[in-house]
């Protein structure tokens, strides 16, 4: 008699999806949005709708795709093996860049907590040191660091939920109104100015579709859970960032590198604010610990099947890809030094915009492949019509987010993406050898 595995309900998967999105991406958001004004609530609405379209389309990709490898597998349906490579490559690069932004966030909160003023070079050096420390901490394997990350994430979730619920008791509508559009920007420009930073908070929504096999009635429940989790995360994001705008004066909030700490200090006492800052620093470090290992694993998995350079596949006896981790942290260090800015906030902007641009490449490839995925799965054109329409909406939003990221991010993102074609040319010879041997009947076949 087989073991009966209890599967998650739609409510459990919805909660899990929302928690997966509520990460360190929100930690600096109130300050970034304050620089635009509370008019940025329109950016939240646009991004929430765009993220819902993306989430629904990814749920369908996960439901009908029969190829492994997540977004790389989705892209392969429409773009072949090179599409699989480019999707995995740009996704891996975006994670690498995003971790630099998380490290900068931790440094920003630490300077506020310890009342330290760092020069631009000092910020860069502190960021590089933190990246190296969290990388070296993973050399023993992921077991301990994974458990640490599961606990430390509460350092973000508790303050964000707390201010979303309790903050309204300190909310001053006159502060909120005064912060509406401090720079008198046209509405279209104001919305565009904060699109990439709001999308930054939702990056990773595609991972919510990874639990298809663990939920009851996945065809019905996965889209419900993904949409419900995305809506839940959007409500918390919008509530927390907007309530803070009515607690802290706009000028103070825009200049802060630890907005949640500042909000709690205003609501309660400076001590409570310091505790919140400490929690968020710990949460960022915990997130870095997990993601530094995850990035190395993403590159290792692709190297194992021949997509990335072989050095990323090398592991120690414990299965840790130390060589790959060292190469990646060197790249992160170079990126940190390349983006040194007189203002920590501006350096964070550059990194986030570049992470968003590179992350949108596999998003767009997945949206484009969805029609082919559904056709391969035998979905009738009539049933596929709604999903294809939503995929087009998600793609349109993604292009708007690319445009809103700015010329510098688009240029650097374009160079990084084009570099991927050179790397693919380097590894594609292996596939030609395999394909030739299969055609000639000399490639080992399974009996």
Protein backbone atom coordinates (compact mmCIF):
# COMPACT_ATOMS: atom_id res chain seq x y z
CA UNK A 1 0.00 0.00 0.00
CA UNK A 2 1.51 3.34 -1.13
CA UNK A 3 2.05 6.32 1.11
CA UNK A 4 -0.61 9.03 0.74
CA UNK A 5 1.05 12.41 0.37
CA UNK A 6 -1.04 15.24 1.76
CA UNK A 7 -1.11 18.09 -0.74
CA UNK A 8 -1.49 21.81 -0.08
CA UNK A 9 -4.87 23.46 -0.29
CA UNK A 10 -5.41 26.49 -2.49
CA UNK A 11 -5.36 28.73 0.63
CA UNK A 12 -2.00 27.34 1.78
CA UNK A 13 -0.46 27.81 -1.66
CA UNK A 14 -1.85 31.35 -1.88
CA UNK A 15 -0.23 32.30 1.45
CA UNK A 16 3.05 30.63 0.43
CA UNK A 17 3.03 32.54 -2.87
CA UNK A 18 2.51 35.89 -1.13
CA UNK A 19 5.27 35.20 1.41
CA UNK A 20 7.68 34.24 -1.39
CA UNK A 21 7.17 37.68 -2.93
CA UNK A 22 7.47 39.62 0.35
CA UNK A 23 11.24 39.70 0.45
CA UNK A 24 13.99 42.25 0.84
CA UNK A 25 12.92 44.02 -2.36
CA UNK A 26 10.57 46.28 -0.40
CA UNK A 27 13.08 47.43 2.23
CA UNK A 28 14.13 50.68 0.47
CA UNK A 29 10.94 51.22 -1.53
CA UNK A 30 9.27 53.90 0.65
CA UNK A 31 12.30 56.19 0.19
CA UNK A 32 12.52 55.57 -3.55
CA UNK A 33 8.80 56.25 -4.04
CA UNK A 34 8.98 59.37 -1.84
CA UNK A 35 11.42 60.83 -4.37
CA UNK A 36 8.59 60.70 -6.92
CA UNK A 37 5.75 61.47 -4.50
CA UNK A 38 2.57 59.73 -3.40
CA UNK A 39 1.41 60.02 -7.02
CA UNK A 40 3.46 56.81 -7.39
CA UNK A 41 0.36 54.95 -6.19
CA UNK A 42 -0.59 54.91 -9.89
CA UNK A 43 2.67 53.07 -10.59
CA UNK A 44 1.66 50.47 -8.00
CA UNK A 45 -1.71 50.00 -9.71
CA UNK A 46 -0.13 49.62 -13.16
CA UNK A 47 2.54 47.23 -11.83
CA UNK A 48 0.01 45.20 -9.84
CA UNK A 49 -2.11 44.71 -12.99
CA UNK A 50 0.98 43.89 -15.07
CA UNK A 51 2.24 41.46 -12.42
CA UNK A 52 -1.16 39.77 -12.29
CA UNK A 53 -1.02 39.24 -16.06
CA UNK A 54 2.53 37.85 -15.78
CA UNK A 55 1.59 35.62 -12.83
CA UNK A 56 -1.44 34.17 -14.64
CA UNK A 57 0.60 33.50 -17.80
CA UNK A 58 3.38 31.84 -15.79
CA UNK A 59 0.80 29.66 -14.04
CA UNK A 60 -0.33 28.46 -17.46
CA UNK A 61 3.28 27.94 -18.61
CA UNK A 62 3.89 25.77 -15.55
CA UNK A 63 0.64 23.89 -16.13
CA UNK A 64 1.22 22.94 -19.78
CA UNK A 65 5.02 22.86 -20.24
CA UNK A 66 6.61 19.41 -20.32
CA UNK A 67 10.19 20.63 -20.55
CA UNK A 68 12.38 20.98 -17.43
CA UNK A 69 14.30 24.10 -16.50
CA UNK A 70 11.63 26.65 -15.61
CA UNK A 71 11.68 29.73 -17.85
CA UNK A 72 14.47 28.20 -19.95
CA UNK A 73 12.22 25.23 -20.67
CA UNK A 74 9.33 27.55 -21.56
CA UNK A 75 11.50 29.58 -23.96
CA UNK A 76 12.75 26.43 -25.68
CA UNK A 77 9.29 25.76 -27.11
CA UNK A 78 9.49 28.87 -29.31
CA UNK A 79 13.19 29.66 -29.55
CA UNK A 80 14.87 26.27 -29.41
CA UNK A 81 18.03 25.45 -27.53
CA UNK A 82 19.49 28.95 -27.88
CA UNK A 83 16.31 30.37 -26.31
CA UNK A 84 16.72 28.02 -23.35
CA UNK A 85 20.29 29.25 -22.94
CA UNK A 86 19.45 32.96 -23.23
CA UNK A 87 16.55 32.70 -20.81
CA UNK A 88 18.65 30.94 -18.17
CA UNK A 89 21.62 33.22 -18.80
CA UNK A 90 19.71 36.52 -18.44
CA UNK A 91 17.78 35.16 -15.44
CA UNK A 92 21.03 34.12 -13.74
CA UNK A 93 22.61 37.51 -14.48
CA UNK A 94 19.56 39.35 -13.13
CA UNK A 95 19.81 37.39 -9.85
CA UNK A 96 23.51 38.18 -9.66
CA UNK A 97 22.76 41.91 -10.08
CA UNK A 98 19.78 41.82 -7.68
CA UNK A 99 22.00 40.49 -4.91
CA UNK A 100 24.21 43.56 -5.22
CA UNK A 101 21.09 45.69 -4.64
CA UNK A 102 20.20 43.63 -1.55
CA UNK A 103 23.75 44.11 -0.20
CA UNK A 104 23.54 47.88 -0.80
CA UNK A 105 20.21 47.90 1.06
CA UNK A 106 21.81 46.20 4.08
CA UNK A 107 24.69 48.71 4.03
CA UNK A 108 22.22 51.61 3.87
CA UNK A 109 20.30 50.37 6.91
CA UNK A 110 23.54 49.69 8.80
CA UNK A 111 24.79 53.26 8.25
CA UNK A 112 21.53 54.57 9.76
CA UNK A 113 21.56 52.11 12.65
CA UNK A 114 25.17 52.81 13.65
CA UNK A 115 25.08 56.52 12.69
CA UNK A 116 28.00 56.12 10.30
CA UNK A 117 28.57 58.30 7.25
CA UNK A 118 30.35 56.49 4.43
CA UNK A 119 31.92 57.97 1.31
CA UNK A 120 30.78 56.50 -2.05
CA UNK A 121 33.93 54.35 -2.06
CA UNK A 122 33.20 53.33 1.53
CA UNK A 123 29.69 52.19 0.55
CA UNK A 124 31.11 50.18 -2.36
CA UNK A 125 33.78 48.56 -0.17
CA UNK A 126 31.23 47.67 2.55
CA UNK A 127 28.94 46.17 -0.13
CA UNK A 128 31.76 44.10 -1.63
CA UNK A 129 32.83 42.86 1.83
CA UNK A 130 29.26 41.78 2.62
CA UNK A 131 28.96 39.95 -0.71
CA UNK A 132 32.22 38.09 -0.07
CA UNK A 133 31.29 37.20 3.53
CA UNK A 134 27.92 35.74 2.50
CA UNK A 135 29.58 33.83 -0.33
CA UNK A 136 32.31 32.34 1.88
CA UNK A 137 29.68 31.41 4.48
CA UNK A 138 28.15 29.12 1.84
CA UNK A 139 31.32 27.12 1.19
CA UNK A 140 30.18 24.42 3.62
CA UNK A 141 26.95 23.82 1.73
CA UNK A 142 23.41 25.15 1.81
CA UNK A 143 21.98 23.27 4.81
CA UNK A 144 22.55 25.82 7.56
CA UNK A 145 22.25 28.94 5.39
CA UNK A 146 18.93 27.73 3.95
CA UNK A 147 17.49 27.35 7.44
CA UNK A 148 18.84 30.78 8.43
CA UNK A 149 17.10 32.37 5.43
CA UNK A 150 13.76 30.81 6.36
CA UNK A 151 13.94 32.46 9.79
CA UNK A 152 15.49 35.82 8.91
CA UNK A 153 12.87 36.62 6.23
CA UNK A 154 10.52 37.34 9.13
CA UNK A 155 12.72 40.38 9.82
CA UNK A 156 11.11 41.95 6.74
CA UNK A 157 7.63 40.43 6.91
CA UNK A 158 6.88 41.42 10.53
CA UNK A 159 7.72 45.17 10.15
CA UNK A 160 6.01 45.41 6.74
CA UNK A 161 2.82 43.76 7.99
CA UNK A 162 3.06 45.73 11.23
CA UNK A 163 3.21 49.14 9.55
CA UNK A 164 0.50 48.09 7.04
CA UNK A 165 -1.92 47.39 9.91
CA UNK A 166 -0.83 49.62 12.81
CA UNK A 167 0.54 52.54 10.80
CA UNK A 168 -2.91 53.93 10.05
CA UNK A 169 -3.22 55.08 13.69
CA UNK A 170 -0.38 57.55 12.99
CA UNK A 171 -1.45 58.39 9.43
CA UNK A 172 -1.73 62.12 8.69
CA UNK A 173 -3.65 62.82 5.48
CA UNK A 174 -2.18 66.33 5.22
CA UNK A 175 1.36 64.85 5.03
CA UNK A 176 0.19 62.42 2.34
CA UNK A 177 -1.45 65.16 0.26
CA UNK A 178 1.58 67.46 0.60
CA UNK A 179 3.76 64.66 -0.78
CA UNK A 180 1.51 64.01 -3.80
CA UNK A 181 3.76 65.43 -6.56
CA UNK A 182 6.61 67.44 -5.00
CA UNK A 183 8.44 67.90 -8.31
CA UNK A 184 5.32 68.77 -10.38
CA UNK A 185 5.99 65.99 -12.88
CA UNK A 186 3.46 65.22 -15.63
CA UNK A 187 1.43 62.16 -14.56
CA UNK A 188 2.77 59.89 -17.35
CA UNK A 189 6.36 60.78 -16.43
CA UNK A 190 5.66 60.36 -12.70
CA UNK A 191 4.17 56.89 -13.23
CA UNK A 192 7.07 55.84 -15.47
CA UNK A 193 9.63 57.15 -12.98
CA UNK A 194 8.64 54.53 -10.41
CA UNK A 195 7.53 51.59 -12.59
CA UNK A 196 10.86 49.74 -12.45
CA UNK A 197 11.20 50.14 -8.68
CA UNK A 198 7.67 48.80 -8.09
CA UNK A 199 8.28 45.86 -10.44
CA UNK A 200 11.49 45.17 -8.49
CA UNK A 201 9.30 44.24 -5.52
CA UNK A 202 7.45 41.62 -7.58
CA UNK A 203 10.45 39.97 -9.26
CA UNK A 204 10.36 36.26 -8.50
CA UNK A 205 6.63 35.92 -9.07
CA UNK A 206 7.40 33.19 -11.64
CA UNK A 207 8.73 30.96 -8.82
CA UNK A 208 5.21 30.82 -7.40
CA UNK A 209 4.33 28.36 -10.17
CA UNK A 210 6.93 25.83 -9.01
CA UNK A 211 4.51 24.03 -6.67
CA UNK A 212 2.22 22.54 -9.33
CA UNK A 213 2.78 18.96 -8.16
CA UNK A 214 2.27 19.80 -4.48
CA UNK A 215 -1.27 21.22 -4.64
CA UNK A 216 -4.68 19.66 -5.03
CA UNK A 217 -6.35 20.11 -8.45
CA UNK A 218 -3.43 22.14 -9.92
CA UNK A 219 -5.22 23.14 -13.14
CA UNK A 220 -7.75 25.11 -11.12
CA UNK A 221 -5.84 25.95 -7.93
CA UNK A 222 -2.41 27.05 -9.18
CA UNK A 223 -3.76 30.05 -11.18
CA UNK A 224 -6.04 30.96 -8.25
CA UNK A 225 -3.16 30.77 -5.76
CA UNK A 226 -0.74 32.68 -7.99
CA UNK A 227 -3.27 35.45 -8.65
CA UNK A 228 -4.39 35.50 -5.01
CA UNK A 229 -0.81 35.60 -3.73
CA UNK A 230 0.11 38.38 -6.17
CA UNK A 231 -2.95 40.42 -5.14
CA UNK A 232 -2.11 39.84 -1.47
CA UNK A 233 1.48 40.97 -1.97
CA UNK A 234 0.30 44.01 -3.96
CA UNK A 235 -2.11 45.06 -1.20
CA UNK A 236 0.65 44.81 1.44
CA UNK A 237 3.14 46.67 -0.75
CA UNK A 238 0.70 49.48 -1.53
CA UNK A 239 -0.55 49.74 2.06
CA UNK A 240 2.90 49.78 3.68
CA UNK A 241 4.55 52.28 1.32
CA UNK A 242 1.57 54.64 1.27
CA UNK A 243 0.89 54.63 5.02
CA UNK A 244 4.55 55.52 5.66
CA UNK A 245 4.10 58.50 3.30
CA UNK A 246 1.47 59.77 5.73
CA UNK A 247 3.63 59.21 8.82
CA UNK A 248 7.01 60.65 7.81
CA UNK A 249 7.43 64.02 6.03
CA UNK A 250 8.27 63.55 2.34
CA UNK A 251 11.65 65.30 2.48
CA UNK A 252 12.84 63.15 5.40
CA UNK A 253 11.51 59.96 3.85
CA UNK A 254 13.10 60.62 0.45
CA UNK A 255 16.51 61.22 2.07
CA UNK A 256 16.42 58.15 4.33
CA UNK A 257 18.37 54.94 3.65
CA UNK A 258 16.31 53.09 6.30
CA UNK A 259 12.67 54.17 5.75
CA UNK A 260 11.00 51.44 7.80
CA UNK A 261 13.27 52.18 10.76
CA UNK A 262 12.43 55.89 10.43
CA UNK A 263 8.70 55.11 10.32
CA UNK A 264 8.79 52.96 13.46
CA UNK A 265 10.93 55.53 15.27
CA UNK A 266 8.28 58.15 14.44
CA UNK A 267 5.40 55.88 15.48
CA UNK A 268 6.99 54.63 18.71
CA UNK A 269 10.51 55.42 19.92
CA UNK A 270 14.00 55.57 18.38
CA UNK A 271 14.76 52.28 20.14
CA UNK A 272 11.91 50.53 18.31
CA UNK A 273 13.16 52.09 15.08
CA UNK A 274 16.64 50.70 15.76
CA UNK A 275 15.22 47.23 16.46
CA UNK A 276 13.35 47.30 13.15
CA UNK A 277 16.51 48.41 11.33
CA UNK A 278 18.43 45.57 12.99
CA UNK A 279 15.75 43.06 11.94
CA UNK A 280 15.87 44.27 8.36
CA UNK A 281 19.67 44.14 8.20
CA UNK A 282 19.53 40.54 9.46
CA UNK A 283 16.80 39.76 6.91
CA UNK A 284 18.89 41.19 4.05
CA UNK A 285 21.95 39.20 5.15
CA UNK A 286 19.85 36.04 5.48
CA UNK A 287 18.42 36.65 2.01
CA UNK A 288 21.91 37.17 0.62
CA UNK A 289 23.13 33.92 2.19
CA UNK A 290 20.41 31.95 0.43
CA UNK A 291 20.54 33.76 -2.90
CA UNK A 292 24.32 33.69 -3.25
CA UNK A 293 24.14 29.88 -3.11
CA UNK A 294 21.04 29.77 -5.32
CA UNK A 295 22.72 31.79 -8.07
CA UNK A 296 25.69 29.43 -8.08
CA UNK A 297 23.26 26.49 -8.32
CA UNK A 298 21.43 28.12 -11.26
CA UNK A 299 24.71 28.45 -13.13
CA UNK A 300 25.78 24.93 -12.09
CA UNK A 301 22.53 23.36 -13.32
CA UNK A 302 22.95 25.01 -16.71
CA UNK A 303 26.63 24.04 -16.84
CA UNK A 304 25.70 20.41 -16.09
CA UNK A 305 23.66 20.20 -19.30
CA UNK A 306 26.25 22.10 -21.33
CA UNK A 307 24.69 25.55 -21.47
CA UNK A 308 27.26 27.37 -19.31
CA UNK A 309 31.03 27.11 -19.03
CA UNK A 310 32.25 23.90 -17.36
CA UNK A 311 33.94 25.75 -14.50
CA UNK A 312 30.46 26.48 -13.04
CA UNK A 313 29.82 22.72 -12.79
CA UNK A 314 32.85 22.00 -10.60
CA UNK A 315 31.92 21.09 -7.02
CA UNK A 316 33.59 20.04 -3.78
CA UNK A 317 32.89 16.72 -2.06
CA UNK A 318 29.93 18.35 -0.30
CA UNK A 319 28.46 19.35 -3.69
CA UNK A 320 29.24 23.06 -3.28
CA UNK A 321 30.16 24.88 -6.54
CA UNK A 322 32.89 26.99 -4.91
CA UNK A 323 34.68 27.88 -8.17
CA UNK A 324 31.43 29.17 -9.68
CA UNK A 325 30.60 31.08 -6.51
CA UNK A 326 34.00 32.80 -6.59
CA UNK A 327 33.62 33.78 -10.26
CA UNK A 328 30.15 35.19 -9.59
CA UNK A 329 31.17 37.19 -6.51
CA UNK A 330 34.10 38.68 -8.48
CA UNK A 331 31.57 39.79 -11.13
CA UNK A 332 29.39 41.28 -8.40
CA UNK A 333 32.38 43.11 -6.93
CA UNK A 334 33.26 44.60 -10.33
CA UNK A 335 29.63 45.68 -10.86
CA UNK A 336 29.57 47.33 -7.42
CA UNK A 337 32.74 49.28 -8.18
CA UNK A 338 31.50 50.21 -11.69
CA UNK A 339 28.30 51.74 -10.31
CA UNK A 340 29.85 53.83 -7.51
CA UNK A 341 27.70 56.93 -7.06
CA UNK A 342 27.89 60.02 -4.84
CA UNK A 343 24.57 58.87 -3.42
CA UNK A 344 23.83 55.36 -2.08
CA UNK A 345 20.25 55.78 -3.25
CA UNK A 346 21.36 56.53 -6.84
CA UNK A 347 23.66 53.51 -6.89
CA UNK A 348 20.73 51.38 -5.70
CA UNK A 349 18.65 52.84 -8.56
CA UNK A 350 21.22 51.91 -11.19
CA UNK A 351 21.53 48.35 -9.89
CA UNK A 352 17.77 47.82 -9.60
CA UNK A 353 17.06 49.15 -13.09
CA UNK A 354 19.72 46.86 -14.55
CA UNK A 355 18.31 43.86 -12.62
CA UNK A 356 14.81 44.63 -13.91
CA UNK A 357 15.97 44.96 -17.53
CA UNK A 358 17.82 41.63 -17.53
CA UNK A 359 14.99 39.86 -15.67
CA UNK A 360 12.44 41.02 -18.23
CA UNK A 361 14.26 39.17 -21.05
CA UNK A 362 13.21 35.66 -19.85
CA UNK A 363 9.78 37.07 -18.92
CA UNK A 364 9.23 38.26 -22.50
CA UNK A 365 10.55 35.01 -23.96
CA UNK A 366 8.18 33.00 -21.76
CA UNK A 367 5.20 35.16 -22.76
CA UNK A 368 6.09 34.75 -26.45
CA UNK A 369 6.41 30.95 -26.05
CA UNK A 370 3.07 30.47 -24.29
CA UNK A 371 1.11 30.09 -27.55
CA UNK A 372 3.43 27.30 -28.69
CA UNK A 373 3.36 25.67 -25.24
CA UNK A 374 -0.44 25.52 -25.32
CA UNK A 375 -0.53 24.18 -28.88
CA UNK A 376 1.99 21.46 -27.97
CA UNK A 377 -0.21 20.54 -24.97
CA UNK A 378 -3.26 20.16 -27.22
CA UNK A 379 -5.15 23.18 -25.87
CA UNK A 380 -7.82 24.20 -28.39
CA UNK A 381 -7.46 27.66 -30.00
CA UNK A 382 -10.74 28.72 -28.37
CA UNK A 383 -9.52 27.80 -24.86
CA UNK A 384 -6.07 29.27 -25.52
CA UNK A 385 -7.43 32.64 -26.65
CA UNK A 386 -7.90 34.17 -23.19
CA UNK A 387 -4.48 33.05 -21.95
CA UNK A 388 -2.77 34.29 -25.11
CA UNK A 389 -4.51 37.66 -24.72
CA UNK A 390 -3.30 37.96 -21.11
CA UNK A 391 0.23 37.00 -22.24
CA UNK A 392 0.15 39.90 -24.73
CA UNK A 393 -0.94 42.27 -21.96
CA UNK A 394 1.91 40.96 -19.75
CA UNK A 395 4.36 41.49 -22.62
CA UNK A 396 3.08 45.03 -23.22
CA UNK A 397 3.58 45.84 -19.54
CA UNK A 398 7.09 44.33 -19.68
CA UNK A 399 8.01 46.56 -22.62
CA UNK A 400 6.69 49.59 -20.74
CA UNK A 401 8.82 48.60 -17.73
CA UNK A 402 11.86 48.29 -20.02
CA UNK A 403 11.22 51.76 -21.43
CA UNK A 404 10.75 53.20 -17.95
CA UNK A 405 14.04 51.72 -16.72
CA UNK A 406 15.94 54.43 -18.58
CA UNK A 407 18.53 54.64 -21.33
CA UNK A 408 21.53 53.73 -19.16
CA UNK A 409 19.94 50.53 -17.84
CA UNK A 410 18.74 49.59 -21.33
CA UNK A 411 22.22 50.14 -22.77
CA UNK A 412 24.00 48.12 -20.07
CA UNK A 413 21.27 45.46 -20.13
CA UNK A 414 21.56 45.25 -23.91
CA UNK A 415 25.33 44.76 -23.70
CA UNK A 416 24.94 42.08 -21.04
CA UNK A 417 22.29 40.30 -23.14
CA UNK A 418 24.38 40.49 -26.33
CA UNK A 419 27.32 39.04 -24.39
CA UNK A 420 25.11 36.00 -23.88
CA UNK A 421 25.15 35.26 -27.62
CA UNK A 422 28.95 35.20 -27.57
CA UNK A 423 28.89 32.82 -24.60
CA UNK A 424 26.32 30.63 -26.37
CA UNK A 425 28.60 30.46 -29.40
CA UNK A 426 31.35 29.24 -27.08
CA UNK A 427 29.32 26.33 -25.72
CA UNK A 428 27.15 25.51 -28.77
CA UNK A 429 29.89 23.38 -30.34
CA UNK A 430 29.06 20.66 -27.80
CA UNK A 431 25.48 20.49 -29.04
CA UNK A 432 26.59 20.30 -32.67
CA UNK A 433 28.73 17.26 -31.82
CA UNK A 434 25.84 15.59 -30.02
CA UNK A 435 23.35 16.39 -32.80
CA UNK A 436 25.70 15.07 -35.50
CA UNK A 437 26.28 11.84 -33.59
CA UNK A 438 22.53 11.34 -33.13
CA UNK A 439 21.90 11.82 -36.87
CA UNK A 440 24.71 9.41 -37.79
CA UNK A 441 23.55 6.86 -35.22
CA UNK A 442 26.81 6.93 -33.26
CA UNK A 443 25.49 8.75 -30.17
CA UNK A 444 24.80 6.32 -27.32
CA UNK A 445 21.11 5.47 -27.33
CA UNK A 446 19.14 4.14 -24.38
CA UNK A 447 17.79 0.63 -24.91
